[in-house]
């Protein structure tokens, strides 16, 4: 089954944001397209971002990507981990993502410190979230980032249902 363009938008945003990340896109034909900054890459992250951003929304040609593999980050459910940093993509604007993240803090503002940064990618129409903590262990940070991702996804789905 092909990976949808919406998923490729998230991958393109992460590839352009996560330092030293290389993404391999396995295709139907058995070949792989490698996205990254290294010499083995088929294209750089910014070129891939432009390809995905310009994909025709109503076109008959779906992406021929079957599988996505990451090198330079560990997949932790919907979140990528690089050391003490967690990354994910939100379909919300930066302002709405920040509101969802504030609402998702389990301990409120007095809990363990998690440095959270949100950057909107206007080309792809998504926001990239970076969460880092020196106070939380890897498991607690994974849980916190997954809960933050879930809060953003829930807000996106509620907003989409309200429009429909």
Protein backbone atom coordinates (compact mmCIF):
# COMPACT_ATOMS: atom_id res chain seq x y z
CA UNK A 1 0.00 0.00 0.00
CA UNK A 2 1.35 3.41 -0.96
CA UNK A 3 2.29 6.01 1.61
CA UNK A 4 -0.08 9.00 1.18
CA UNK A 5 1.17 12.47 0.30
CA UNK A 6 0.07 13.74 3.75
CA UNK A 7 2.51 11.31 5.38
CA UNK A 8 5.25 12.33 2.96
CA UNK A 9 4.62 15.96 4.01
CA UNK A 10 5.39 14.99 7.60
CA UNK A 11 8.48 13.06 6.52
CA UNK A 12 9.69 16.00 4.41
CA UNK A 13 9.23 18.39 7.34
CA UNK A 14 11.19 16.09 9.65
CA UNK A 15 13.92 15.51 7.05
CA UNK A 16 14.38 19.27 6.74
CA UNK A 17 14.34 19.86 10.52
CA UNK A 18 16.07 16.98 12.33
CA UNK A 19 19.87 17.38 12.21
CA UNK A 20 21.79 14.51 10.56
CA UNK A 21 18.61 12.63 9.60
CA UNK A 22 18.63 10.48 6.50
CA UNK A 23 15.37 9.04 5.19
CA UNK A 24 15.13 6.09 2.81
CA UNK A 25 11.93 5.82 0.78
CA UNK A 26 11.45 2.29 -0.54
CA UNK A 27 9.45 2.27 -3.79
CA UNK A 28 7.12 -0.22 -5.52
CA UNK A 29 9.88 -1.06 -7.99
CA UNK A 30 12.26 -2.17 -5.24
CA UNK A 31 14.54 0.84 -5.45
CA UNK A 32 15.08 3.37 -2.67
CA UNK A 33 15.24 7.15 -2.76
CA UNK A 34 17.54 8.48 -0.05
CA UNK A 35 16.84 11.94 1.32
CA UNK A 36 19.55 13.69 3.32
CA UNK A 37 22.70 15.75 3.22
CA UNK A 38 25.25 12.93 2.85
CA UNK A 39 26.97 11.83 -0.36
CA UNK A 40 24.76 8.72 -0.55
CA UNK A 41 21.59 10.84 -0.79
CA UNK A 42 19.50 10.91 -3.96
CA UNK A 43 18.27 14.38 -3.05
CA UNK A 44 18.64 16.89 -0.26
CA UNK A 45 15.88 17.42 2.29
CA UNK A 46 14.94 20.82 0.87
CA UNK A 47 14.52 19.46 -2.67
CA UNK A 48 12.35 16.63 -1.30
CA UNK A 49 10.29 19.21 0.60
CA UNK A 50 9.64 21.09 -2.65
CA UNK A 51 8.69 17.89 -4.52
CA UNK A 52 6.17 16.96 -1.82
CA UNK A 53 4.80 20.51 -1.54
CA UNK A 54 4.18 20.64 -5.30
CA UNK A 55 2.56 17.21 -5.55
CA UNK A 56 -0.80 17.67 -7.35
CA UNK A 57 -3.62 17.30 -4.85
CA UNK A 58 -6.12 16.03 -7.38
CA UNK A 59 -3.67 14.06 -9.52
CA UNK A 60 -4.16 10.44 -10.48
CA UNK A 61 -0.56 9.56 -9.67
CA UNK A 62 -0.10 8.57 -6.04
CA UNK A 63 3.41 8.38 -4.57
CA UNK A 64 4.98 4.98 -5.17
CA UNK A 65 6.53 4.76 -1.69
CA UNK A 66 5.85 1.55 0.23
CA UNK A 67 8.03 1.99 3.29
CA UNK A 68 9.99 4.71 5.09
CA UNK A 69 13.21 4.07 7.02
CA UNK A 70 15.10 6.54 9.22
CA UNK A 71 18.83 6.69 9.88
CA UNK A 72 20.00 9.16 12.53
CA UNK A 73 16.87 8.95 14.68
CA UNK A 74 14.89 6.23 16.45
CA UNK A 75 11.18 5.80 15.83
CA UNK A 76 9.21 5.86 19.07
CA UNK A 77 5.66 5.47 17.82
CA UNK A 78 4.65 8.75 16.19
CA UNK A 79 7.76 10.50 17.55
CA UNK A 80 11.40 10.50 16.40
CA UNK A 81 14.09 10.43 19.09
CA UNK A 82 17.59 11.88 18.77
CA UNK A 83 19.33 11.63 22.13
CA UNK A 84 17.39 13.72 24.64
CA UNK A 85 15.29 15.36 21.92
CA UNK A 86 11.91 14.23 20.54
CA UNK A 87 10.46 15.43 17.23
CA UNK A 88 7.03 15.20 15.64
CA UNK A 89 4.86 17.00 13.11
CA UNK A 90 1.50 18.63 13.76
CA UNK A 91 -1.05 19.46 11.07
CA UNK A 92 -2.05 22.53 13.09
CA UNK A 93 -0.73 26.07 12.73
CA UNK A 94 2.08 27.00 15.11
CA UNK A 95 -0.32 28.98 17.31
CA UNK A 96 -2.85 26.11 17.52
CA UNK A 97 -0.05 23.60 18.11
CA UNK A 98 1.25 25.68 21.02
CA UNK A 99 -2.26 25.86 22.51
CA UNK A 100 -2.67 22.08 22.21
CA UNK A 101 0.75 21.51 23.80
CA UNK A 102 -0.06 23.79 26.73
CA UNK A 103 -3.29 21.89 27.32
CA UNK A 104 -1.47 18.54 27.21
CA UNK A 105 0.96 19.25 30.08
CA UNK A 106 0.06 16.63 32.70
CA UNK A 107 1.54 18.55 35.65
CA UNK A 108 0.72 22.02 34.41
CA UNK A 109 3.45 24.68 34.33
CA UNK A 110 5.11 23.36 37.54
CA UNK A 111 6.05 19.91 36.21
CA UNK A 112 9.47 18.78 34.98
CA UNK A 113 10.97 21.23 32.50
CA UNK A 114 10.61 20.29 28.85
CA UNK A 115 12.03 22.82 26.40
CA UNK A 116 9.47 22.79 23.59
CA UNK A 117 9.87 24.64 20.32
CA UNK A 118 7.38 24.89 17.48
CA UNK A 119 8.21 26.02 13.96
CA UNK A 120 5.63 26.33 11.20
CA UNK A 121 6.62 25.20 7.71
CA UNK A 122 4.45 27.35 5.44
CA UNK A 123 5.53 25.46 2.32
CA UNK A 124 4.19 22.15 3.66
CA UNK A 125 1.46 23.62 5.88
CA UNK A 126 2.60 21.77 9.02
CA UNK A 127 4.32 22.60 12.29
CA UNK A 128 7.42 20.82 13.55
CA UNK A 129 7.66 20.24 17.30
CA UNK A 130 10.98 19.75 19.10
CA UNK A 131 10.90 18.66 22.76
CA UNK A 132 14.00 18.32 24.95
CA UNK A 133 14.45 17.68 28.66
CA UNK A 134 17.44 17.17 30.93
CA UNK A 135 15.07 16.34 33.80
CA UNK A 136 13.09 13.48 32.26
CA UNK A 137 14.51 10.07 31.44
CA UNK A 138 14.06 8.66 27.94
CA UNK A 139 10.87 6.75 28.78
CA UNK A 140 9.21 9.73 30.48
CA UNK A 141 10.22 12.02 27.60
CA UNK A 142 8.81 9.53 25.09
CA UNK A 143 5.52 9.44 27.03
CA UNK A 144 5.39 13.23 27.27
CA UNK A 145 6.10 13.68 23.54
CA UNK A 146 3.56 11.00 22.57
CA UNK A 147 0.91 12.69 24.74
CA UNK A 148 1.76 16.04 23.12
CA UNK A 149 1.49 14.49 19.64
CA UNK A 150 -1.88 12.94 20.58
CA UNK A 151 -3.18 16.31 21.83
CA UNK A 152 -2.22 17.97 18.53
CA UNK A 153 -3.79 15.15 16.51
CA UNK A 154 -7.01 15.35 18.55
CA UNK A 155 -7.24 19.12 17.98
CA UNK A 156 -6.63 18.62 14.26
CA UNK A 157 -9.39 15.98 14.04
CA UNK A 158 -11.83 18.12 16.02
CA UNK A 159 -11.10 21.06 13.73
CA UNK A 160 -11.51 18.92 10.61
CA UNK A 161 -14.83 17.54 11.87
CA UNK A 162 -16.11 21.06 12.59
CA UNK A 163 -15.33 22.10 8.99
CA UNK A 164 -16.98 19.04 7.43
